[in-house]
Amino acid sequence: RKGDNLIVNVRKAFPNEVDLAALLKVDKDRLKTLGENFRLTIRTISYFEKAAVNQDLFDKLYGKDAIHTEAEFNARVDEELASSFDRESMYRFRQDARDYLLKKFRNEIPDEFYKRWLIEVSDGKLTREELEKDYEKYTADLKWQLIKGKISREHRLEASEEELLKQVVDFYRMQFMQYYGMAGIPEETLEKYAKESLKKDEERKRFTEVVIETKVYELIRSTVKLAIKEVTLDEFNKGSKIKAS
């Protein structure tokens, strides 16, 4: 109900750190210093009714006269669903590839040194108790940063201005769709938001990391051997780890 409060573990709700950083509007590096549980307060409740499938709906969703028939509308929805499942599949690949490479990591980090360093850089926001509780996750994050950094250096992976702009435009397009249910936002409007965002150093750094991390995963995907098969949505959600070689 409106006014209700509940505690949400954001790390479980958003296991992908890039998504979590975007949700909390902080630099990804700051996530290590933040707690897991956040208080969520319900301020407004919206009710939705099914719209009539007509030209008015097509225009609201995709812009005036972009879609003219129900068949065109269905084809567009199919295309968007396929794109969504492709993203989910890639996200699953990222998780599995990261886990696989972490298991292959050989350079062990001196625990006591790393713990002292984490507490020092947190500026008092991370206690020894909190660190001990989630230490495995902290070490996994650092190892992944080292793996990702090594791959990006060896293959000279960089983020061009064009790639950065596209990444931020896609981010805002997704935001409008997810939080406001708005599709068909004019490209010039999205670019305006994106360019303003890239003027901020923290935002530019965050999106640069996203672009380079994406390139790292694309490189991994082109290198390993994957067994590709079609599955139902339920099977996909249950899933099993990839076998890479």
Protein backbone atom coordinates (compact mmCIF):
# COMPACT_ATOMS: atom_id res chain seq x y z
CA ARG A 1 0.00 0.00 0.00
CA LYS A 2 1.01 3.61 -0.41
CA GLY A 3 3.34 4.58 2.42
CA ASP A 4 4.49 1.02 3.11
CA ASN A 5 8.19 0.34 3.69
CA LEU A 6 10.18 -2.79 3.00
CA ILE A 7 13.84 -3.74 3.13
CA VAL A 8 15.36 -4.88 -0.16
CA ASN A 9 18.73 -6.59 -0.61
CA VAL A 10 19.85 -4.73 -3.73
CA ARG A 11 22.78 -7.04 -4.41
CA LYS A 12 20.44 -10.00 -4.75
CA ALA A 13 17.92 -8.00 -6.77
CA PHE A 14 20.63 -6.60 -9.08
CA PRO A 15 23.60 -9.02 -9.16
CA ASN A 16 25.09 -7.20 -12.15
CA GLU A 17 27.24 -4.39 -10.72
CA VAL A 18 26.78 -2.11 -13.73
CA ASP A 19 22.99 -2.29 -13.31
CA LEU A 20 23.27 -1.79 -9.55
CA ALA A 21 25.53 1.25 -9.93
CA ALA A 22 23.08 2.75 -12.42
CA LEU A 23 20.15 2.09 -10.07
CA LEU A 24 21.87 3.73 -7.10
CA LYS A 25 23.39 6.49 -9.28
CA VAL A 26 26.91 5.91 -7.96
CA ASP A 27 30.26 5.01 -9.48
CA LYS A 28 30.75 1.24 -9.62
CA ASP A 29 33.83 1.50 -7.38
CA ARG A 30 31.63 2.91 -4.58
CA LEU A 31 29.52 -0.26 -4.45
CA LYS A 32 32.17 -1.94 -2.29
CA THR A 33 31.60 0.66 0.40
CA LEU A 34 27.81 0.45 0.42
CA GLY A 35 25.65 -1.93 2.40
CA GLU A 36 23.35 -4.52 0.85
CA ASN A 37 19.98 -3.62 2.39
CA PHE A 38 18.05 -0.52 1.37
CA ARG A 39 14.71 0.75 2.60
CA LEU A 40 12.13 1.03 -0.19
CA THR A 41 9.13 3.31 0.37
CA ILE A 42 6.04 3.06 -1.85
CA ARG A 43 5.11 6.66 -2.70
CA THR A 44 2.72 6.17 -5.62
CA ILE A 45 0.74 3.28 -7.09
CA SER A 46 -0.19 3.23 -10.78
CA TYR A 47 -2.95 1.18 -12.37
CA PHE A 48 -2.79 0.00 -15.95
CA GLU A 49 -5.56 -1.07 -18.30
CA LYS A 50 -5.20 -2.88 -21.59
CA ALA A 51 -5.25 -0.50 -24.53
CA ALA A 52 -7.28 -1.07 -27.67
CA VAL A 53 -5.08 -2.34 -30.50
CA ASN A 54 -5.50 0.54 -32.95
CA GLN A 55 -3.62 3.36 -34.63
CA ASP A 56 -3.64 5.46 -31.49
CA LEU A 57 -1.75 2.72 -29.62
CA PHE A 58 0.73 2.28 -32.48
CA ASP A 59 1.46 6.02 -32.56
CA LYS A 60 1.90 6.25 -28.78
CA LEU A 61 4.30 3.32 -28.68
CA TYR A 62 6.40 3.86 -31.80
CA GLY A 63 5.74 7.37 -33.03
CA LYS A 64 3.19 8.75 -35.46
CA ASP A 65 2.65 6.58 -38.56
CA ALA A 66 5.63 4.30 -37.80
CA ILE A 67 3.23 1.31 -37.60
CA HIS A 68 0.01 1.06 -39.63
CA THR A 69 -1.41 -2.45 -39.16
CA GLU A 70 -1.80 -5.02 -36.41
CA ALA A 71 0.45 -7.38 -38.39
CA GLU A 72 3.22 -4.75 -38.43
CA PHE A 73 2.65 -4.17 -34.73
CA ASN A 74 2.98 -7.89 -33.91
CA ALA A 75 6.13 -8.16 -36.02
CA ARG A 76 7.65 -5.22 -34.13
CA VAL A 77 6.78 -6.77 -30.77
CA ASP A 78 8.32 -10.09 -31.88
CA GLU A 79 11.47 -8.24 -32.87
CA GLU A 80 11.69 -6.52 -29.49
CA LEU A 81 11.12 -9.78 -27.60
CA ALA A 82 13.86 -11.49 -29.62
CA SER A 83 16.20 -8.60 -28.82
CA SER A 84 15.33 -8.85 -25.13
CA PHE A 85 16.04 -12.59 -25.04
CA ASP A 86 19.34 -11.99 -26.84
CA ARG A 87 20.33 -9.56 -24.09
CA GLU A 88 19.28 -12.06 -21.41
CA SER A 89 21.31 -14.78 -23.13
CA MET A 90 24.37 -12.53 -23.31
CA TYR A 91 23.92 -11.58 -19.66
CA ARG A 92 23.85 -15.28 -18.74
CA PHE A 93 26.98 -15.86 -20.82
CA ARG A 94 28.72 -13.03 -18.98
CA GLN A 95 27.94 -14.55 -15.59
CA ASP A 96 29.11 -18.01 -16.62
CA ALA A 97 32.25 -16.74 -18.38
CA ARG A 98 33.19 -14.62 -15.37
CA ASP A 99 32.75 -17.57 -13.00
CA TYR A 100 34.78 -19.81 -15.31
CA LEU A 101 37.69 -17.36 -15.55
CA LEU A 102 37.67 -16.67 -11.81
CA LYS A 103 38.17 -20.38 -11.20
CA LYS A 104 41.19 -20.26 -13.53
CA PHE A 105 42.72 -17.29 -11.69
CA ARG A 106 46.13 -18.21 -10.32
CA ASN A 107 47.59 -15.02 -8.77
CA GLU A 108 46.38 -15.24 -5.20
CA ILE A 109 46.04 -11.94 -3.34
CA PRO A 110 47.56 -11.68 0.19
CA ASP A 111 44.42 -11.64 2.32
CA GLU A 112 45.64 -9.45 5.17
CA PHE A 113 47.08 -6.82 2.82
CA TYR A 114 43.91 -6.72 0.75
CA LYS A 115 41.67 -6.43 3.82
CA ARG A 116 43.71 -3.50 5.18
CA TRP A 117 43.62 -1.82 1.78
CA LEU A 118 39.83 -2.20 1.41
CA ILE A 119 39.17 -0.72 4.85
CA GLU A 120 41.57 2.14 4.14
CA VAL A 121 40.03 3.14 0.79
CA SER A 122 36.48 2.92 2.18
CA ASP A 123 37.14 6.02 4.34
CA GLY A 124 35.51 4.43 7.36
CA LYS A 125 32.40 3.21 5.54
CA LEU A 126 33.46 -0.43 5.68
CA THR A 127 33.95 -2.18 9.01
CA ARG A 128 36.09 -5.23 9.62
CA GLU A 129 32.95 -7.23 10.41
CA GLU A 130 31.25 -6.25 7.14
CA LEU A 131 34.43 -7.04 5.23
CA GLU A 132 34.76 -10.49 6.78
CA LYS A 133 31.12 -11.24 5.98
CA ASP A 134 31.46 -10.46 2.25
CA TYR A 135 35.19 -10.97 1.80
CA GLU A 136 34.78 -13.66 -0.85
CA LYS A 137 32.78 -11.29 -3.01
CA TYR A 138 35.34 -8.49 -2.62
CA THR A 139 38.19 -10.78 -3.67
CA ALA A 140 36.18 -12.06 -6.64
CA ASP A 141 35.55 -8.48 -7.78
CA LEU A 142 39.23 -7.60 -7.56
CA LYS A 143 40.29 -10.74 -9.41
CA TRP A 144 37.79 -9.96 -12.15
CA GLN A 145 39.15 -6.40 -12.42
CA LEU A 146 42.65 -7.83 -12.85
CA ILE A 147 41.47 -10.35 -15.47
CA LYS A 148 39.49 -7.72 -17.34
CA GLY A 149 42.37 -5.26 -17.20
CA LYS A 150 44.86 -7.80 -18.52
CA ILE A 151 42.59 -8.75 -21.43
CA SER A 152 41.82 -5.14 -22.36
CA ARG A 153 45.53 -4.16 -22.25
CA GLU A 154 46.73 -7.14 -24.26
CA HIS A 155 44.11 -6.58 -26.95
CA ARG A 156 44.20 -2.76 -26.73
CA LEU A 157 40.50 -2.46 -26.08
CA GLU A 158 39.34 1.14 -25.88
CA ALA A 159 36.05 3.06 -25.97
CA SER A 160 35.69 5.53 -28.83
CA GLU A 161 33.54 8.65 -28.54
CA GLU A 162 31.04 7.12 -30.96
CA GLU A 163 30.82 3.92 -28.93
CA LEU A 164 30.39 5.88 -25.70
CA LEU A 165 27.59 7.98 -27.16
CA LYS A 166 25.79 4.88 -28.46
CA GLN A 167 26.11 3.17 -25.05
CA VAL A 168 24.63 6.14 -23.19
CA VAL A 169 21.86 6.62 -25.77
CA ASP A 170 20.91 2.95 -25.41
CA PHE A 171 21.00 3.34 -21.62
CA TYR A 172 18.55 6.26 -21.68
CA ARG A 173 16.32 4.52 -24.21
CA MET A 174 16.09 1.57 -21.80
CA GLN A 175 15.44 3.89 -18.86
CA PHE A 176 12.52 5.58 -20.62
CA MET A 177 11.08 2.19 -21.51
CA GLN A 178 11.54 0.49 -18.13
CA TYR A 179 10.57 3.31 -15.77
CA TYR A 180 8.11 5.35 -17.83
CA GLY A 181 6.83 2.86 -20.41
CA MET A 182 7.86 5.29 -23.15
CA ALA A 183 9.10 3.93 -26.47
CA GLY A 184 9.89 5.79 -29.66
CA ILE A 185 11.76 8.63 -27.92
CA PRO A 186 13.32 10.81 -30.68
CA GLU A 187 16.97 10.01 -31.27
CA GLU A 188 17.97 13.67 -30.95
CA THR A 189 16.38 13.81 -27.48
CA LEU A 190 18.28 10.72 -26.34
CA GLU A 191 21.52 12.11 -27.76
CA LYS A 192 20.99 15.36 -25.89
CA TYR A 193 20.65 13.48 -22.58
CA ALA A 194 23.66 11.31 -23.46
CA LYS A 195 25.96 14.23 -24.32
CA GLU A 196 25.05 16.02 -21.11
CA SER A 197 25.77 12.86 -19.13
CA LEU A 198 29.18 12.39 -20.77
CA LYS A 199 30.25 15.87 -19.66
CA LYS A 200 30.38 14.52 -16.10
CA ASP A 201 33.67 12.79 -15.32
CA GLU A 202 32.14 10.06 -13.13
CA GLU A 203 29.49 9.25 -15.73
CA ARG A 204 32.05 9.16 -18.54
CA LYS A 205 34.26 6.84 -16.51
CA ARG A 206 31.33 4.57 -15.65
CA PHE A 207 30.16 4.22 -19.24
CA THR A 208 33.72 3.79 -20.51
CA GLU A 209 34.04 0.79 -18.18
CA VAL A 210 30.76 -0.59 -19.53
CA VAL A 211 31.94 -0.34 -23.15
CA ILE A 212 35.32 -1.92 -22.43
CA GLU A 213 33.78 -4.69 -20.31
CA THR A 214 31.36 -5.44 -23.15
CA LYS A 215 34.31 -5.71 -25.55
CA VAL A 216 36.07 -8.06 -23.12
CA TYR A 217 33.05 -10.37 -23.05
CA GLU A 218 32.69 -10.21 -26.84
CA LEU A 219 36.34 -11.20 -27.18
CA ILE A 220 35.86 -14.09 -24.76
CA ARG A 221 32.74 -15.19 -26.62
CA SER A 222 34.61 -15.23 -29.94
CA THR A 223 37.43 -17.27 -28.36
CA VAL A 224 35.68 -20.04 -26.39
CA LYS A 225 33.72 -22.92 -27.83
CA LEU A 226 30.02 -22.75 -27.06
CA ALA A 227 27.33 -25.39 -27.43
CA ILE A 228 24.33 -23.41 -28.71
CA LYS A 229 20.83 -24.84 -28.30
CA GLU A 230 17.28 -23.55 -28.11
CA VAL A 231 15.47 -23.97 -24.79
CA THR A 232 12.20 -22.89 -23.25
CA LEU A 233 12.12 -19.82 -21.04
CA ASP A 234 11.76 -21.97 -17.90
CA GLU A 235 14.75 -24.10 -18.91
CA PHE A 236 16.76 -20.96 -19.58
CA ASN A 237 15.93 -19.49 -16.18
CA LYS A 238 16.96 -22.71 -14.42
CA GLY A 239 19.98 -23.03 -16.69
CA SER A 240 23.31 -24.74 -16.35
CA LYS A 241 26.84 -23.42 -16.53
CA ILE A 242 28.55 -23.21 -19.91
CA LYS A 243 31.29 -25.61 -20.83
CA ALA A 244 34.15 -23.57 -22.22
CA SER A 245 37.46 -24.69 -23.63
